[in-house]
Amino acid sequence: MQRTTRLRAGLLAAAIILAGCGGASQTTTGPSSRNAGPMGPNVQAYQKTLKNRDDVQIVSATGDITAAVTQFRGLLGEPNNGAVASEFQKGRREVNWDGAAVPTNTDAFPGNFFNARGVEFTTDGSGLRVSDNGYIDVNPNYVGEFNTFSPAKLFVAVGSTIIDVQFFAPGTNKPAVVTGFGSVFADVGRAHSTTIEYFDAAGNSLLKVAAPRRSDDKGLSFVGATFTSAIVARVRIVAGDTPIGAGNNDNVKGAGQKHDIVATDDFLYGEPHEIK
C-alpha cells in the first residue's frame, strides 16, 4: 500500500485536531516510526491512546472533504461491491442512506436494513433515524444546521450519541472483520466531541480517532482509519455530545450550556470477511 506520508503515531493527535482549525484541510498519516526523537507531553498522551500501533493509516479532513473521501476509498480498495449479498475477496462497501427504499423520518429505522452490505447498527438510545430534511421535523431550529456530502439523507441515533457498527458476512448473521472504516460527519463544532473507536473480534479496543471540527459553513468533516489486515469487527461512533431532540439545540459558542449536535452521512468500510 502506498503511503502518502510517514509520521510517527504520536503526531496523529496534532494532525487530527489541527485539521479542524483552518479552511479546507486534509491530513493523512502512515505507520509510526519508533525512533522519531523526543515528543512533547500532548503528543505523548495521544500516543498512549494509539497504543503505539504501527499498522494504521488515518485520513482526516474538513472543509472540502472530497479528496479525503476519494483517498480513503482507494485505501479500502476497489471496487465498491454495493448491495450484493455475497462475500468478495477485495473491494469495499458504502452506505449513504439515499436509496428510495430506505425508511426515512422515523425513529424505527431497522438496524439490519443494510445486512446485504455486511453491516448492522445498534444504539444504547431509543432508536435510529434517517432524515431527508435535516431533522427539522424533530426540531425546527435545525434549519440549515446539517448539510450533506451525498444528498439528501443523514443518519443519527435517537436518545443517544452512540452508534455501534457490527460487521457480518454480507447477507448473513456470521460475524466478519474489515480492514477499516470511515465516516462523514455534519456539523462537528467541538474538538473531541465526535470519535470513532475500533474493536477486534475479542472486543479489544484497537484505536480511537477524533473527527476534526468543522472549518466552514458547509460544516462537513471526515475521519477514517485502515489497518494492514482485516481485524476490525466493530466500531463505535460517538457523534457529538448531545442527541437530536425537540428541546436540544446546537450551541457551541453562545451563552449558556454548550451542546454539539452532530449527524452522520456516508459510511465507508472494507469488504467484510467472515471470521473463520
Protein backbone atom coordinates (compact mmCIF):
# COMPACT_ATOMS: atom_id res chain seq x y z
CA MET A 1 0.00 0.00 0.00
CA GLN A 2 1.38 3.38 -0.98
CA ARG A 3 1.87 5.71 1.98
CA THR A 4 1.19 9.40 1.43
CA THR A 5 3.25 10.42 4.42
CA ARG A 6 5.22 8.64 7.14
CA LEU A 7 4.72 10.25 10.52
CA ARG A 8 5.10 8.70 13.93
CA ALA A 9 1.91 7.61 15.64
CA GLY A 10 2.49 10.22 18.32
CA LEU A 11 1.83 13.01 15.80
CA LEU A 12 -1.62 11.73 14.87
CA ALA A 13 -3.30 13.82 17.55
CA ALA A 14 -1.92 17.05 16.17
CA ALA A 15 -2.89 16.01 12.65
CA ILE A 16 -6.47 15.18 13.54
CA ILE A 17 -7.05 18.12 15.87
CA LEU A 18 -5.41 20.73 13.63
CA ALA A 19 -7.43 19.55 10.65
CA GLY A 20 -10.42 21.33 12.15
CA CYS A 21 -8.73 24.68 12.71
CA GLY A 22 -8.34 26.11 9.22
CA GLY A 23 -10.15 26.12 5.91
CA ALA A 24 -10.26 23.06 3.73
CA SER A 25 -7.74 20.78 5.36
CA GLN A 26 -6.71 17.18 4.90
CA THR A 27 -4.30 15.03 6.84
CA THR A 28 -3.05 11.55 6.07
CA THR A 29 -0.85 9.68 8.50
CA GLY A 30 1.03 6.47 7.90
CA PRO A 31 2.70 3.90 10.15
CA SER A 32 4.68 5.15 13.09
CA SER A 33 8.42 5.39 13.38
CA ARG A 34 9.62 4.27 16.79
CA ASN A 35 12.88 6.24 16.57
CA ALA A 36 11.47 9.67 15.94
CA GLY A 37 13.09 11.53 18.83
CA PRO A 38 11.63 13.34 21.86
CA MET A 39 7.98 14.38 21.98
CA GLY A 40 6.00 16.94 23.97
CA PRO A 41 3.51 15.94 26.67
CA ASN A 42 0.40 16.31 24.49
CA VAL A 43 1.88 14.12 21.77
CA GLN A 44 2.95 11.53 24.30
CA ALA A 45 -0.56 11.42 25.77
CA TYR A 46 -2.10 10.74 22.39
CA GLN A 47 0.50 8.14 21.54
CA LYS A 48 -0.67 6.30 24.63
CA THR A 49 -4.23 6.42 23.26
CA LEU A 50 -2.99 4.92 20.00
CA LYS A 51 -1.23 2.14 21.91
CA ASN A 52 1.80 2.65 19.63
CA ARG A 53 0.17 0.93 16.68
CA ASP A 54 2.30 0.93 13.54
CA ASP A 55 -0.18 -0.76 11.19
CA VAL A 56 -2.67 2.09 10.83
CA GLN A 57 -3.30 4.76 8.24
CA ILE A 58 -5.67 7.60 9.14
CA VAL A 59 -7.29 10.09 6.77
CA SER A 60 -8.82 13.20 8.30
CA ALA A 61 -10.31 16.28 6.64
CA THR A 62 -12.67 19.22 6.97
CA GLY A 63 -13.92 21.85 4.56
CA ASP A 64 -13.94 20.29 1.09
CA ILE A 65 -13.60 16.64 2.09
CA THR A 66 -13.98 15.19 -1.41
CA ALA A 67 -10.30 14.40 -1.92
CA ALA A 68 -10.06 12.76 1.50
CA VAL A 69 -13.06 10.53 0.87
CA THR A 70 -11.67 9.58 -2.54
CA GLN A 71 -8.31 8.75 -1.00
CA PHE A 72 -9.94 6.65 1.71
CA ARG A 73 -11.89 4.71 -0.90
CA GLY A 74 -8.57 3.93 -2.56
CA LEU A 75 -7.10 2.69 0.72
CA LEU A 76 -10.08 0.38 1.26
CA GLY A 77 -9.85 -0.90 -2.30
CA GLU A 78 -11.83 -1.22 -5.49
CA PRO A 79 -14.48 -1.98 -6.48
CA ASN A 80 -17.45 -0.78 -4.45
CA ASN A 81 -19.34 -4.06 -4.04
CA GLY A 82 -22.61 -2.30 -3.33
CA ALA A 83 -25.54 -4.30 -2.02
CA VAL A 84 -24.55 -7.70 -3.42
CA ALA A 85 -25.19 -10.20 -0.62
CA SER A 86 -22.04 -12.24 -1.22
CA GLU A 87 -18.52 -12.00 0.16
CA PHE A 88 -15.85 -10.74 -2.23
CA GLN A 89 -12.11 -11.17 -1.97
CA LYS A 90 -11.39 -7.47 -2.37
CA GLY A 91 -13.08 -4.10 -2.52
CA ARG A 92 -15.22 -2.12 -0.13
CA ARG A 93 -18.79 -1.30 0.85
CA GLU A 94 -20.53 2.04 1.32
CA VAL A 95 -23.75 3.24 2.93
CA ASN A 96 -25.05 6.70 2.04
CA TRP A 97 -28.71 6.40 3.21
CA ASP A 98 -30.06 7.86 -0.03
CA GLY A 99 -31.87 4.92 -1.63
CA ALA A 100 -35.57 5.38 -2.28
CA ALA A 101 -36.48 2.33 -0.17
CA VAL A 102 -34.58 3.47 2.94
CA PRO A 103 -37.06 4.04 5.82
CA THR A 104 -36.97 7.78 6.41
CA ASN A 105 -38.17 10.26 9.06
CA THR A 106 -38.97 7.57 11.61
CA ASP A 107 -37.27 6.62 14.86
CA ALA A 108 -37.73 2.96 13.97
CA PHE A 109 -35.09 2.65 11.24
CA PRO A 110 -34.19 -1.09 11.26
CA GLY A 111 -30.57 -1.60 12.26
CA ASN A 112 -30.19 -4.61 9.96
CA PHE A 113 -31.51 -2.81 6.87
CA PHE A 114 -28.08 -2.97 5.18
CA ASN A 115 -27.28 -6.56 6.14
CA ALA A 116 -26.73 -7.34 2.45
CA ARG A 117 -23.78 -4.93 2.67
CA GLY A 118 -22.41 -6.76 5.70
CA VAL A 119 -23.21 -4.16 8.34
CA GLU A 120 -25.74 -3.68 11.14
CA PHE A 121 -26.34 -0.76 13.51
CA THR A 122 -27.40 -0.56 17.15
CA THR A 123 -27.52 2.15 19.80
CA ASP A 124 -28.00 2.41 23.53
CA GLY A 125 -30.61 5.08 22.79
CA SER A 126 -34.26 4.66 21.82
CA GLY A 127 -33.85 4.24 18.08
CA LEU A 128 -32.13 5.15 14.82
CA ARG A 129 -33.33 7.77 12.36
CA VAL A 130 -32.63 8.63 8.72
CA SER A 131 -33.77 12.11 7.67
CA ASP A 132 -34.28 13.75 4.29
CA ASN A 133 -34.98 17.20 5.77
CA GLY A 134 -32.11 17.82 8.16
CA TYR A 135 -34.22 16.73 11.15
CA ILE A 136 -36.32 19.91 11.09
CA ASP A 137 -39.39 17.74 11.68
CA VAL A 138 -37.80 16.88 15.05
CA ASN A 139 -36.77 20.45 15.84
CA PRO A 140 -37.43 23.42 13.51
CA ASN A 141 -34.37 25.15 14.94
CA TYR A 142 -32.24 22.72 12.92
CA VAL A 143 -32.93 24.60 9.68
CA GLY A 144 -29.59 24.92 7.88
CA GLU A 145 -27.76 23.06 10.66
CA PHE A 146 -26.83 19.83 8.89
CA ASN A 147 -25.53 19.75 5.33
CA THR A 148 -24.92 16.56 3.36
CA PHE A 149 -22.00 15.09 1.47
CA SER A 150 -24.25 12.87 -0.67
CA PRO A 151 -27.70 14.46 -0.82
CA ALA A 152 -30.10 14.32 0.72
CA LYS A 153 -30.27 11.97 3.74
CA LEU A 154 -28.44 11.78 7.07
CA PHE A 155 -28.32 9.23 9.91
CA VAL A 156 -28.31 9.60 13.70
CA ALA A 157 -29.09 7.70 16.87
CA VAL A 158 -32.17 8.83 18.79
CA GLY A 159 -31.85 9.45 22.51
CA SER A 160 -28.08 8.88 22.37
CA THR A 161 -24.98 9.99 20.52
CA ILE A 162 -23.68 6.41 20.20
CA ILE A 163 -23.95 4.26 17.08
CA ASP A 164 -22.40 0.79 17.20
CA VAL A 165 -21.49 -0.72 13.83
CA GLN A 166 -21.11 -4.50 13.63
CA PHE A 167 -19.79 -6.31 10.57
CA PHE A 168 -21.15 -9.56 9.11
CA ALA A 169 -20.53 -11.68 6.05
CA PRO A 170 -22.87 -9.91 3.59
CA GLY A 171 -26.39 -11.28 3.68
CA THR A 172 -25.77 -13.50 6.73
CA ASN A 173 -25.58 -13.36 10.53
CA LYS A 174 -21.98 -14.64 10.54
CA PRO A 175 -19.59 -12.19 12.26
CA ALA A 176 -16.98 -10.66 9.98
CA VAL A 177 -13.98 -8.35 10.06
CA VAL A 178 -12.92 -5.47 7.81
CA THR A 179 -9.69 -3.59 7.15
CA GLY A 180 -11.07 -0.18 8.02
CA PHE A 181 -13.97 2.20 8.46
CA GLY A 182 -14.57 5.91 7.92
CA SER A 183 -17.48 8.31 8.23
CA VAL A 184 -18.58 11.71 7.02
CA PHE A 185 -19.93 13.93 9.81
CA ALA A 186 -22.12 17.03 9.61
CA ASP A 187 -21.60 19.99 11.95
CA VAL A 188 -18.81 18.89 14.30
CA GLY A 189 -18.48 22.00 16.45
CA ARG A 190 -16.19 20.93 19.26
CA ALA A 191 -12.82 19.20 19.24
CA HIS A 192 -13.02 15.62 20.53
CA SER A 193 -16.84 15.57 20.63
CA THR A 194 -17.00 13.15 17.71
CA THR A 195 -14.97 9.95 17.61
CA ILE A 196 -14.70 6.52 16.04
CA GLU A 197 -13.33 3.65 18.13
CA TYR A 198 -12.25 0.38 16.50
CA PHE A 199 -12.54 -3.05 18.17
CA ASP A 200 -11.28 -6.52 17.25
CA ALA A 201 -13.32 -9.73 17.39
CA ALA A 202 -12.40 -10.27 21.05
CA GLY A 203 -13.72 -6.84 21.97
CA ASN A 204 -10.30 -5.25 22.45
CA SER A 205 -10.03 -1.58 21.57
CA LEU A 206 -7.60 -1.11 18.68
CA LEU A 207 -7.72 2.62 18.07
CA LYS A 208 -9.78 5.75 18.72
CA VAL A 209 -9.74 8.75 16.38
CA ALA A 210 -11.46 12.15 16.51
CA ALA A 211 -13.22 13.90 13.64
CA PRO A 212 -11.89 17.43 13.00
CA ARG A 213 -14.00 20.41 13.94
CA ARG A 214 -15.90 21.99 11.04
CA SER A 215 -13.95 24.73 9.27
CA ASP A 216 -16.58 26.43 7.09
CA ASP A 217 -20.29 26.98 6.56
CA LYS A 218 -20.67 23.67 4.73
CA GLY A 219 -19.87 22.03 8.05
CA LEU A 220 -18.56 18.67 6.83
CA SER A 221 -15.79 16.59 8.41
CA PHE A 222 -14.34 13.18 7.67
CA VAL A 223 -12.18 10.72 9.55
CA GLY A 224 -11.34 7.10 8.87
CA ALA A 225 -8.67 4.52 9.64
CA THR A 226 -7.42 1.48 7.76
CA PHE A 227 -5.31 -1.39 9.07
CA THR A 228 -2.90 -3.57 7.14
CA SER A 229 -5.13 -6.60 7.69
CA ALA A 230 -8.82 -7.26 8.32
CA ILE A 231 -9.03 -7.08 12.12
CA VAL A 232 -11.92 -4.67 12.79
CA ALA A 233 -15.06 -6.48 13.93
CA ARG A 234 -16.95 -3.49 15.32
CA VAL A 235 -16.71 0.27 15.56
CA ARG A 236 -18.36 2.67 17.97
CA ILE A 237 -19.26 6.12 16.71
CA VAL A 238 -19.85 8.93 19.19
CA ALA A 239 -21.44 11.73 17.16
CA GLY A 240 -21.33 14.91 19.22
CA ASP A 241 -22.18 15.31 22.88
CA THR A 242 -25.95 15.84 22.62
CA PRO A 243 -28.54 13.83 20.64
CA ILE A 244 -31.15 15.38 18.39
CA GLY A 245 -34.36 16.29 20.18
CA ALA A 246 -37.25 18.74 20.25
CA GLY A 247 -35.64 20.59 23.15
CA ASN A 248 -31.99 20.11 22.18
CA ASN A 249 -30.40 22.96 20.25
CA ASP A 250 -26.87 23.10 18.91
CA ASN A 251 -24.88 25.67 20.89
CA VAL A 252 -21.08 25.56 20.84
CA LYS A 253 -20.29 29.29 21.01
CA GLY A 254 -23.22 31.16 22.55
CA ALA A 255 -24.13 31.80 26.15
CA GLY A 256 -25.36 29.02 28.37
CA GLN A 257 -24.70 25.31 28.39
CA LYS A 258 -22.79 24.09 25.34
CA HIS A 259 -24.25 21.40 23.07
CA ASP A 260 -22.66 19.89 19.97
CA ILE A 261 -25.24 18.01 17.90
CA VAL A 262 -23.70 16.03 15.04
CA ALA A 263 -25.22 13.93 12.25
CA THR A 264 -23.51 11.28 10.12
CA ASP A 265 -23.52 10.88 6.36
CA ASP A 266 -21.61 8.37 4.20
CA PHE A 267 -20.06 5.29 5.86
CA LEU A 268 -17.17 3.58 4.03
CA TYR A 269 -15.60 0.28 5.09
CA GLY A 270 -13.57 -2.62 3.77
CA GLU A 271 -15.22 -5.72 2.34
CA PRO A 272 -16.46 -7.82 5.31
CA HIS A 273 -14.80 -11.22 5.59
CA GLU A 274 -16.36 -13.95 7.69
CA ILE A 275 -14.40 -14.85 10.81
CA LYS A 276 -13.34 -18.46 10.36
